[in-house]
C-alpha atoms as a PDB file:
ATOM      1  CA  MET A   1     -27.930   9.454 -10.506  1.00  0.00           C
ATOM      2  CA  SER A   2     -24.908  11.517 -10.991  1.00  0.00           C
ATOM      3  CA  LYS A   3     -26.601  14.712  -9.513  1.00  0.00           C
ATOM      4  CA  VAL A   4     -27.912  12.955  -6.552  1.00  0.00           C
ATOM      5  CA  PHE A   5     -24.328  11.304  -5.822  1.00  0.00           C
ATOM      6  CA  SER A   6     -22.550  14.414  -6.452  1.00  0.00           C
ATOM      7  CA  ALA A   7     -24.814  16.408  -3.869  1.00  0.00           C
ATOM      8  CA  ARG A   8     -24.730  13.924  -1.215  1.00  0.00           C
ATOM      9  CA  PHE A   9     -20.944  13.604  -1.627  1.00  0.00           C
ATOM     10  CA  VAL A  10     -20.616  17.380  -1.176  1.00  0.00           C
ATOM     11  CA  ALA A  11     -22.857  17.436   1.500  1.00  0.00           C
ATOM     12  CA  GLY A  12     -20.487  14.753   3.225  1.00  0.00           C
ATOM     13  CA  VAL A  13     -17.400  16.776   2.520  1.00  0.00           C
ATOM     14  CA  ARG A  14     -18.980  20.230   3.986  1.00  0.00           C
ATOM     15  CA  LEU A  15     -19.447  18.407   7.207  1.00  0.00           C
ATOM     16  CA  PHE A  16     -15.961  17.793   7.719  1.00  0.00           C
ATOM     17  CA  THR A  17     -14.073  20.898   6.067  1.00  0.00           C
ATOM     18  CA  THR A  18     -14.288  24.689   6.119  1.00  0.00           C
ATOM     19  CA  GLU A  19     -13.492  25.187   2.369  1.00  0.00           C
ATOM     20  CA  PRO A  20     -14.761  28.456   0.525  1.00  0.00           C
ATOM     21  CA  GLN A  21     -18.098  28.238  -1.288  1.00  0.00           C
ATOM     22  CA  SER A  22     -16.182  28.748  -4.619  1.00  0.00           C
ATOM     23  CA  LEU A  23     -14.622  25.087  -4.070  1.00  0.00           C
ATOM     24  CA  TYR A  24     -18.354  23.662  -4.036  1.00  0.00           C
ATOM     25  CA  ASP A  25     -19.451  25.651  -7.011  1.00  0.00           C
ATOM     26  CA  ALA A  26     -16.451  24.425  -8.822  1.00  0.00           C
ATOM     27  CA  LEU A  27     -17.298  20.825  -7.920  1.00  0.00           C
ATOM     28  CA  PHE A  28     -20.921  20.984  -9.177  1.00  0.00           C
ATOM     29  CA  LYS A  29     -19.767  22.702 -12.525  1.00  0.00           C
ATOM     30  CA  GLN A  30     -17.613  19.416 -13.499  1.00  0.00           C
ATOM     31  CA  PRO A  31     -19.666  16.528 -14.958  1.00  0.00           C
ATOM     32  CA  TRP A  32     -19.852  13.747 -12.693  1.00  0.00           C
ATOM     33  CA  VAL A  33     -19.741  10.066 -13.921  1.00  0.00           C
ATOM     34  CA  VAL A  34     -21.337   7.612 -11.677  1.00  0.00           C
ATOM     35  CA  PHE A  35     -21.036   3.936 -12.530  1.00  0.00           C
ATOM     36  CA  ALA A  36     -23.142   1.477 -10.737  1.00  0.00           C
ATOM     37  CA  ASN A  37     -23.413  -2.085 -11.656  1.00  0.00           C
ATOM     38  CA  GLN A  38     -25.616  -4.851 -10.296  1.00  0.00           C
ATOM     39  CA  ALA A  39     -23.448  -7.308  -8.294  1.00  0.00           C
ATOM     40  CA  PHE A  40     -23.211 -10.541 -10.236  1.00  0.00           C
ATOM     41  CA  ALA A  41     -23.912 -12.827  -7.432  1.00  0.00           C
ATOM     42  CA  GLY A  42     -26.297 -10.708  -5.575  1.00  0.00           C
ATOM     43  CA  PRO A  43     -26.298  -8.301  -2.787  1.00  0.00           C
ATOM     44  CA  LYS A  44     -25.017 -10.870   0.125  1.00  0.00           C
ATOM     45  CA  SER A  45     -21.652 -11.492  -2.134  1.00  0.00           C
ATOM     46  CA  VAL A  46     -21.002  -7.477  -2.156  1.00  0.00           C
ATOM     47  CA  ILE A  47     -21.631  -7.530   1.881  1.00  0.00           C
ATOM     48  CA  GLU A  48     -19.164 -10.298   1.990  1.00  0.00           C
ATOM     49  CA  TYR A  49     -16.514  -8.744  -0.048  1.00  0.00           C
ATOM     50  CA  LEU A  50     -16.735  -5.461   1.690  1.00  0.00           C
ATOM     51  CA  GLY A  51     -16.519  -7.313   5.301  1.00  0.00           C
ATOM     52  CA  ARG A  52     -13.294  -8.584   4.581  1.00  0.00           C
ATOM     53  CA  TYR A  53     -11.925  -5.136   4.369  1.00  0.00           C
ATOM     54  CA  THR A  54     -13.923  -3.363   7.154  1.00  0.00           C
ATOM     55  CA  HIS A  55     -13.363  -5.964   9.858  1.00  0.00           C
ATOM     56  CA  LYS A  56      -9.654  -6.287   9.478  1.00  0.00           C
ATOM     57  CA  ILE A  57      -7.381  -5.664  12.375  1.00  0.00           C
ATOM     58  CA  GLY A  58      -3.976  -3.704  12.488  1.00  0.00           C
ATOM     59  CA  ILE A  59      -1.993  -6.984  13.577  1.00  0.00           C
ATOM     60  CA  SER A  60      -2.861 -10.520  14.177  1.00  0.00           C
ATOM     61  CA  ASN A  61      -2.448 -12.069  17.808  1.00  0.00           C
ATOM     62  CA  HIS A  62       0.083 -14.612  16.259  1.00  0.00           C
ATOM     63  CA  ARG A  63       2.358 -11.918  14.903  1.00  0.00           C
ATOM     64  CA  ILE A  64       2.894 -10.252  18.529  1.00  0.00           C
ATOM     65  CA  LEU A  65       5.870 -12.323  19.845  1.00  0.00           C
ATOM     66  CA  ASN A  66       6.362 -10.710  23.220  1.00  0.00           C
ATOM     67  CA  ILE A  67       5.059  -8.053  25.610  1.00  0.00           C
ATOM     68  CA  GLN A  68       6.913  -6.285  28.321  1.00  0.00           C
ATOM     69  CA  SER A  69       5.836  -3.455  30.491  1.00  0.00           C
ATOM     70  CA  ASP A  70       7.836  -1.238  28.382  1.00  0.00           C
ATOM     71  CA  LYS A  71       8.320  -2.890  24.967  1.00  0.00           C
ATOM     72  CA  VAL A  72       6.302  -4.865  22.398  1.00  0.00           C
ATOM     73  CA  THR A  73       8.221  -7.326  19.836  1.00  0.00           C
ATOM     74  CA  PHE A  74       6.371  -8.498  16.941  1.00  0.00           C
ATOM     75  CA  SER A  75       7.195 -10.103  13.419  1.00  0.00           C
ATOM     76  CA  TYR A  76       6.276  -8.455  10.077  1.00  0.00           C
ATOM     77  CA  LYS A  77       7.364  -9.066   6.240  1.00  0.00           C
ATOM     78  CA  ASP A  78       9.847  -6.762   5.149  1.00  0.00           C
ATOM     79  CA  TYR A  79       8.668  -6.338   1.167  1.00  0.00           C
ATOM     80  CA  ARG A  80      11.979  -4.282   0.407  1.00  0.00           C
ATOM     81  CA  GLN A  81      13.892  -7.642   0.936  1.00  0.00           C
ATOM     82  CA  ALA A  82      11.645 -10.182  -0.692  1.00  0.00           C
ATOM     83  CA  ALA A  83       9.030 -10.372   1.815  1.00  0.00           C
ATOM     84  CA  ARG A  84      11.744 -11.841   4.287  1.00  0.00           C
ATOM     85  CA  LYS A  85       9.893 -12.077   7.733  1.00  0.00           C
ATOM     86  CA  LYS A  86      11.722 -10.054  10.375  1.00  0.00           C
ATOM     87  CA  HIS A  87      11.192  -8.867  14.226  1.00  0.00           C
ATOM     88  CA  MET A  88      10.734  -5.558  15.669  1.00  0.00           C
ATOM     89  CA  SER A  89      10.632  -4.258  19.172  1.00  0.00           C
ATOM     90  CA  LEU A  90       9.178  -0.965  19.885  1.00  0.00           C
ATOM     91  CA  PRO A  91       8.580   1.131  23.082  1.00  0.00           C
ATOM     92  CA  ALA A  92       4.986   0.241  24.109  1.00  0.00           C
ATOM     93  CA  HIS A  93       3.585   3.796  23.465  1.00  0.00           C
ATOM     94  CA  GLU A  94       5.085   3.847  19.916  1.00  0.00           C
ATOM     95  CA  PHE A  95       3.415   0.161  19.096  1.00  0.00           C
ATOM     96  CA  ILE A  96       0.187   1.534  20.497  1.00  0.00           C
ATOM     97  CA  ARG A  97       0.579   4.849  18.473  1.00  0.00           C
ATOM     98  CA  ARG A  98       1.141   2.909  15.320  1.00  0.00           C
ATOM     99  CA  PHE A  99      -1.572   0.329  16.175  1.00  0.00           C
ATOM    100  CA  ALA A 100      -4.134   3.394  16.515  1.00  0.00           C
ATOM    101  CA  LEU A 101      -3.414   4.518  13.097  1.00  0.00           C
ATOM    102  CA  HIS A 102      -5.313   1.443  11.786  1.00  0.00           C
ATOM    103  CA  LEU A 103      -8.564   2.306  13.696  1.00  0.00           C
ATOM    104  CA  LEU A 104     -11.441   3.963  12.184  1.00  0.00           C
ATOM    105  CA  PRO A 105     -11.551   7.802  12.948  1.00  0.00           C
ATOM    106  CA  ASN A 106     -14.347   9.453  14.921  1.00  0.00           C
ATOM    107  CA  LEU A 107     -16.521  10.767  12.317  1.00  0.00           C
ATOM    108  CA  ASP A 108     -18.284  13.312  14.306  1.00  0.00           C
ATOM    109  CA  LYS A 109     -14.940  15.392  14.363  1.00  0.00           C
ATOM    110  CA  PRO A 110     -12.958  16.416  11.545  1.00  0.00           C
ATOM    111  CA  VAL A 111     -10.249  13.940  10.326  1.00  0.00           C
ATOM    112  CA  PRO A 112      -6.764  15.229  10.985  1.00  0.00           C
ATOM    113  CA  LYS A 113      -4.571  14.859   7.889  1.00  0.00           C
ATOM    114  CA  ARG A 114      -1.668  12.328   8.545  1.00  0.00           C
ATOM    115  CA  ILE A 115       1.765  12.602   7.226  1.00  0.00           C
ATOM    116  CA  LYS A 116       3.503   9.152   6.507  1.00  0.00           C
ATOM    117  CA  ASP A 117       6.354   8.123   8.858  1.00  0.00           C
ATOM    118  CA  LYS A 118       9.685   7.797   7.104  1.00  0.00           C
END
């Protein structure tokens, strides 16, 4: 199973990168450990578990407090201050940019590296 998984994984990596062949050779020289265990509650529970993560949205409607032509106000929790609830207003284009960071990338094209905002 390790050989099959590593071959498929590296094949997927090759689709999105242009790394030298030496990198791929080095990946295959390393021992791969694949641990796959049967789900205790069956396949349906696995799908439900993954569904909770794959169908989340960037922000819930109830957190959007106000929308104006050039500004969006929303609530958020500041975990640096004991999860205190706060409000933030952003220019509409910045709100859309940040929201778009939560969308899945188009996997037909290489995914650009993202540098975290500070």
